[in-house]
N, C-alpha and C. Protein backbone atom coordinates (compact mmCIF):
# COMPACT_ATOMS: atom_id res chain seq x y z
N MET A 1 -15.22 -15.38 -21.11
CA MET A 1 -15.96 -16.65 -21.21
C MET A 1 -14.96 -17.79 -21.46
N LEU A 2 -13.93 -17.62 -22.24
CA LEU A 2 -13.01 -18.64 -22.42
C LEU A 2 -12.21 -19.01 -21.17
N HIS A 3 -11.96 -17.98 -20.36
CA HIS A 3 -11.32 -18.17 -19.08
C HIS A 3 -12.17 -19.07 -18.20
N LEU A 4 -13.46 -18.88 -18.18
CA LEU A 4 -14.33 -19.71 -17.38
C LEU A 4 -14.39 -21.17 -17.88
N PHE A 5 -14.33 -21.23 -19.13
CA PHE A 5 -14.30 -22.59 -19.81
C PHE A 5 -13.08 -23.36 -19.38
N LYS A 6 -11.93 -22.70 -19.36
CA LYS A 6 -10.66 -23.35 -19.01
C LYS A 6 -10.65 -23.83 -17.60
N LEU A 7 -11.12 -22.90 -16.73
CA LEU A 7 -11.24 -23.28 -15.30
C LEU A 7 -12.15 -24.48 -15.10
N PHE A 8 -13.25 -24.44 -15.73
CA PHE A 8 -14.26 -25.62 -15.61
C PHE A 8 -13.65 -26.81 -16.22
N LYS A 9 -13.04 -26.71 -17.33
CA LYS A 9 -12.34 -27.97 -17.95
C LYS A 9 -11.31 -28.52 -16.97
N LEU A 10 -10.61 -27.72 -16.31
CA LEU A 10 -9.64 -28.35 -15.34
C LEU A 10 -10.38 -28.93 -14.11
N TYR A 11 -11.44 -28.29 -13.71
CA TYR A 11 -12.22 -28.93 -12.59
C TYR A 11 -12.84 -30.30 -13.11
N VAL A 12 -13.27 -30.34 -14.28
CA VAL A 12 -13.86 -31.62 -14.80
C VAL A 12 -12.75 -32.69 -14.92
N MET A 13 -11.60 -32.35 -15.38
CA MET A 13 -10.53 -33.18 -15.58
C MET A 13 -10.13 -33.79 -14.17
N GLU A 14 -10.11 -32.93 -13.09
CA GLU A 14 -9.79 -33.37 -11.79
C GLU A 14 -10.72 -34.37 -11.26
N GLN A 15 -11.96 -34.23 -11.59
CA GLN A 15 -13.13 -35.07 -11.11
C GLN A 15 -13.19 -36.39 -12.02
N ASN A 16 -12.48 -36.41 -13.02
CA ASN A 16 -12.49 -37.62 -13.95
C ASN A 16 -13.81 -37.92 -14.44
N GLN A 17 -14.60 -36.89 -14.78
CA GLN A 17 -15.94 -37.04 -15.28
C GLN A 17 -16.05 -36.74 -16.73
N GLN A 18 -16.89 -37.49 -17.43
CA GLN A 18 -17.16 -37.18 -18.84
C GLN A 18 -18.48 -36.40 -18.88
N MET A 19 -18.50 -35.28 -19.45
CA MET A 19 -19.77 -34.52 -19.62
C MET A 19 -20.20 -34.41 -21.07
N SER A 20 -21.44 -34.34 -21.28
CA SER A 20 -21.84 -34.14 -22.69
C SER A 20 -21.74 -32.65 -22.91
N PRO A 21 -21.74 -32.27 -24.22
CA PRO A 21 -21.73 -30.82 -24.52
C PRO A 21 -22.86 -30.04 -23.92
N GLU A 22 -24.08 -30.66 -23.79
CA GLU A 22 -25.19 -29.99 -23.23
C GLU A 22 -24.91 -29.74 -21.65
N GLU A 23 -24.38 -30.80 -20.96
CA GLU A 23 -24.15 -30.62 -19.58
C GLU A 23 -23.09 -29.61 -19.34
N LEU A 24 -22.01 -29.60 -20.16
CA LEU A 24 -20.99 -28.65 -20.07
C LEU A 24 -21.54 -27.23 -20.26
N ASP A 25 -22.38 -27.10 -21.30
CA ASP A 25 -22.99 -25.71 -21.49
C ASP A 25 -23.77 -25.30 -20.32
N ALA A 26 -24.65 -26.26 -19.75
CA ALA A 26 -25.35 -25.95 -18.55
C ALA A 26 -24.51 -25.46 -17.38
N LYS A 27 -23.38 -26.23 -17.20
CA LYS A 27 -22.48 -25.97 -16.09
C LYS A 27 -21.83 -24.56 -16.31
N LYS A 28 -21.43 -24.22 -17.49
CA LYS A 28 -20.89 -22.88 -17.77
C LYS A 28 -21.88 -21.80 -17.49
N LYS A 29 -23.15 -21.95 -17.90
CA LYS A 29 -24.14 -20.95 -17.64
C LYS A 29 -24.39 -20.82 -16.16
N GLU A 30 -24.31 -21.91 -15.38
CA GLU A 30 -24.54 -21.90 -13.97
C GLU A 30 -23.32 -21.14 -13.27
N MET A 31 -22.19 -21.34 -13.75
CA MET A 31 -20.98 -20.64 -13.26
C MET A 31 -21.08 -19.12 -13.50
N LEU A 32 -21.49 -18.86 -14.74
CA LEU A 32 -21.57 -17.47 -15.17
C LEU A 32 -22.68 -16.71 -14.33
N LYS A 33 -23.71 -17.39 -14.08
CA LYS A 33 -24.85 -16.81 -13.16
C LYS A 33 -24.24 -16.63 -11.81
N TYR A 34 -23.51 -17.54 -11.29
CA TYR A 34 -22.94 -17.33 -10.01
C TYR A 34 -22.11 -16.15 -9.92
N TYR A 35 -21.25 -15.98 -10.83
CA TYR A 35 -20.25 -14.82 -10.81
C TYR A 35 -21.06 -13.49 -10.99
N LYS A 36 -22.03 -13.50 -11.82
CA LYS A 36 -22.80 -12.35 -12.02
C LYS A 36 -23.55 -11.97 -10.82
N ASP A 37 -24.06 -13.01 -10.06
CA ASP A 37 -24.84 -12.73 -8.84
C ASP A 37 -23.89 -12.16 -7.74
N SER A 38 -22.64 -12.55 -7.82
CA SER A 38 -21.61 -12.17 -6.82
C SER A 38 -21.10 -10.70 -6.95
N LEU A 39 -21.25 -10.25 -8.17
CA LEU A 39 -20.68 -8.88 -8.50
C LEU A 39 -21.16 -7.87 -7.49
N PRO A 40 -22.39 -7.65 -7.12
CA PRO A 40 -22.78 -6.54 -6.20
C PRO A 40 -22.02 -6.65 -4.94
N TYR A 41 -21.76 -7.83 -4.40
CA TYR A 41 -21.01 -8.10 -3.15
C TYR A 41 -19.57 -7.64 -3.26
N LEU A 42 -18.98 -8.01 -4.41
CA LEU A 42 -17.57 -7.70 -4.61
C LEU A 42 -17.42 -6.14 -4.87
N GLN A 43 -18.37 -5.56 -5.57
CA GLN A 43 -18.33 -4.10 -5.68
C GLN A 43 -18.48 -3.38 -4.41
N ALA A 44 -19.41 -3.84 -3.57
CA ALA A 44 -19.41 -3.26 -2.21
C ALA A 44 -18.21 -3.43 -1.44
N GLN A 45 -17.52 -4.60 -1.57
CA GLN A 45 -16.26 -4.78 -0.81
C GLN A 45 -15.10 -3.88 -1.37
N ILE A 46 -15.27 -3.61 -2.73
CA ILE A 46 -14.17 -2.68 -3.36
C ILE A 46 -14.33 -1.28 -2.68
N LYS A 47 -15.60 -0.82 -2.52
CA LYS A 47 -15.90 0.43 -1.93
C LYS A 47 -15.41 0.43 -0.49
N TYR A 48 -15.70 -0.57 0.21
CA TYR A 48 -15.32 -0.67 1.64
C TYR A 48 -13.75 -0.63 1.77
N GLU A 49 -13.05 -1.42 1.03
CA GLU A 49 -11.64 -1.40 0.98
C GLU A 49 -11.06 -0.10 0.61
N ALA A 50 -11.63 0.62 -0.32
CA ALA A 50 -11.08 1.89 -0.74
C ALA A 50 -11.44 2.88 0.41
N ALA A 51 -12.49 2.87 1.17
CA ALA A 51 -12.76 3.73 2.24
C ALA A 51 -11.78 3.45 3.30
N LEU A 52 -11.49 2.18 3.57
CA LEU A 52 -10.49 1.85 4.65
C LEU A 52 -9.05 2.33 4.27
N ALA A 53 -8.70 2.27 3.01
CA ALA A 53 -7.37 2.82 2.56
C ALA A 53 -7.29 4.27 2.72
N GLU A 54 -8.39 4.98 2.33
CA GLU A 54 -8.45 6.37 2.52
C GLU A 54 -8.38 6.82 3.93
N LEU A 55 -9.00 6.07 4.79
CA LEU A 55 -8.97 6.43 6.31
C LEU A 55 -7.59 6.15 6.82
N ASP A 56 -6.90 5.15 6.41
CA ASP A 56 -5.46 4.96 6.84
C ASP A 56 -4.61 6.16 6.38
N GLU A 57 -4.71 6.59 5.07
CA GLU A 57 -3.96 7.74 4.59
C GLU A 57 -4.29 9.01 5.44
N ILE A 58 -5.54 9.16 5.82
CA ILE A 58 -5.78 10.37 6.66
C ILE A 58 -5.19 10.27 8.04
N ARG A 59 -5.19 9.06 8.58
CA ARG A 59 -4.58 8.86 9.92
C ARG A 59 -3.08 9.14 9.84
N VAL A 60 -2.46 8.63 8.83
CA VAL A 60 -1.05 8.78 8.67
C VAL A 60 -0.64 10.29 8.61
N LYS A 61 -1.56 11.08 7.79
CA LYS A 61 -1.30 12.56 7.66
C LYS A 61 -1.51 13.18 8.96
N ARG A 62 -2.51 12.76 9.76
CA ARG A 62 -2.81 13.38 11.02
C ARG A 62 -1.54 13.13 12.01
N VAL A 63 -1.05 11.89 12.08
CA VAL A 63 0.05 11.64 12.92
C VAL A 63 1.33 12.45 12.47
N ARG A 64 1.59 12.57 11.19
CA ARG A 64 2.69 13.25 10.60
C ARG A 64 2.59 14.74 11.07
N LEU A 65 1.37 15.28 10.96
CA LEU A 65 1.20 16.71 11.35
C LEU A 65 1.33 16.88 12.88
N GLN A 66 0.96 15.94 13.65
CA GLN A 66 1.05 16.08 15.15
C GLN A 66 2.52 16.01 15.43
N HIS A 67 3.21 15.19 14.83
CA HIS A 67 4.70 15.00 15.03
C HIS A 67 5.35 16.33 14.62
N GLU A 68 5.07 16.92 13.48
CA GLU A 68 5.72 18.15 13.09
C GLU A 68 5.33 19.28 14.00
N PHE A 69 4.04 19.33 14.44
CA PHE A 69 3.67 20.33 15.37
C PHE A 69 4.43 20.28 16.71
N ALA A 70 4.48 19.01 17.19
CA ALA A 70 5.20 18.84 18.52
C ALA A 70 6.68 19.20 18.33
N TYR A 71 7.29 18.96 17.23
CA TYR A 71 8.68 19.38 16.91
C TYR A 71 8.77 20.84 16.97
N LEU A 72 7.90 21.46 16.24
CA LEU A 72 8.06 22.99 16.04
C LEU A 72 7.71 23.67 17.32
N THR A 73 6.83 23.11 18.14
CA THR A 73 6.44 23.84 19.35
C THR A 73 7.30 23.63 20.60
N GLN A 74 8.12 22.65 20.49
CA GLN A 74 8.92 22.32 21.71
C GLN A 74 9.97 23.56 22.02
N ALA A 75 10.23 23.75 23.27
CA ALA A 75 11.03 24.79 23.61
C ALA A 75 12.52 24.36 23.26
N PRO A 76 13.18 25.43 22.90
CA PRO A 76 14.65 25.08 22.47
C PRO A 76 15.34 24.67 23.74
N GLU A 77 16.29 23.74 23.54
CA GLU A 77 17.11 23.40 24.67
C GLU A 77 18.03 24.42 25.11
N PRO A 78 18.14 24.63 26.43
CA PRO A 78 19.03 25.70 26.88
C PRO A 78 20.42 25.27 26.64
N GLU A 79 21.24 26.26 26.16
CA GLU A 79 22.68 25.96 25.96
C GLU A 79 23.35 25.92 27.25
N GLU A 80 24.21 24.82 27.40
CA GLU A 80 24.90 24.69 28.70
C GLU A 80 26.08 25.65 28.68
N GLU A 81 26.34 26.32 29.82
CA GLU A 81 27.43 27.13 29.91
C GLU A 81 28.67 26.37 30.02
N MET A 82 29.71 26.90 29.32
CA MET A 82 31.00 26.17 29.45
C MET A 82 31.64 26.58 30.72
N PRO A 83 32.41 25.62 31.39
CA PRO A 83 33.13 25.93 32.58
C PRO A 83 34.14 27.08 32.25
N LYS A 84 34.47 27.82 33.23
CA LYS A 84 35.39 28.92 33.06
C LYS A 84 36.73 28.59 32.47
N GLU A 85 37.27 27.35 32.90
CA GLU A 85 38.56 26.82 32.40
C GLU A 85 38.47 26.65 30.89
N ALA A 86 37.38 26.07 30.39
CA ALA A 86 37.24 25.73 28.95
C ALA A 86 36.94 27.04 28.21
N ALA A 87 36.38 27.93 28.84
CA ALA A 87 36.05 29.21 28.05
C ALA A 87 37.30 30.06 27.85
N ASN A 88 38.22 30.01 28.82
CA ASN A 88 39.54 30.81 28.67
C ASN A 88 40.65 29.83 28.54
N PRO A 89 41.03 29.39 27.39
CA PRO A 89 42.17 28.40 27.24
C PRO A 89 43.51 28.91 27.64
N SER A 90 43.69 30.16 27.80
CA SER A 90 45.02 30.69 28.13
C SER A 90 45.36 30.55 29.53
N SER A 91 44.34 30.41 30.39
CA SER A 91 44.61 30.29 31.82
C SER A 91 44.58 28.75 32.23
N LYS A 92 45.18 28.00 31.55
CA LYS A 92 45.35 26.61 31.80
C LYS A 92 46.38 26.42 32.91
N LYS A 93 46.15 25.50 33.83
CA LYS A 93 47.18 25.09 34.91
C LYS A 93 48.13 24.15 34.21
N GLU A 94 49.38 24.29 34.61
CA GLU A 94 50.45 23.44 34.19
C GLU A 94 50.16 22.10 34.77
N ARG A 95 50.24 21.09 34.04
CA ARG A 95 50.19 19.69 34.57
C ARG A 95 51.56 19.17 34.80
N LYS A 96 51.70 18.43 35.95
CA LYS A 96 52.93 17.89 36.25
C LYS A 96 52.78 16.29 36.17
N LEU A 97 53.89 15.70 35.77
CA LEU A 97 53.85 14.33 35.63
C LEU A 97 54.02 13.68 37.09
N LYS A 98 53.36 12.62 37.22
CA LYS A 98 53.31 11.83 38.49
C LYS A 98 54.68 11.18 38.64
N THR A 99 55.25 11.37 39.76
CA THR A 99 56.53 10.75 40.04
C THR A 99 56.34 9.63 41.15
N GLU A 100 57.11 8.60 40.93
CA GLU A 100 56.95 7.50 41.94
C GLU A 100 58.03 7.43 42.92
């Protein structure tokens, strides 16, 4: 309640209006009624946002599982055969330097 009063006091100061204590009391009650009336909508929004967040988490898990499944089910890459020269290093040809 004190928080509402501070907000309202700032609003009044901005408007450069002088209010009587009765007017100020009526305005506080009006503001409190507005916030209380807005609560059902805000609570519905909280449920909605929580459901969206849960849906996003489920989607992330699904994509992660699909990625892992694709990685695990992919065929292993065939090993390339080494050329015969590289496989047998003792049978190297002698290299000669180029002469000009």
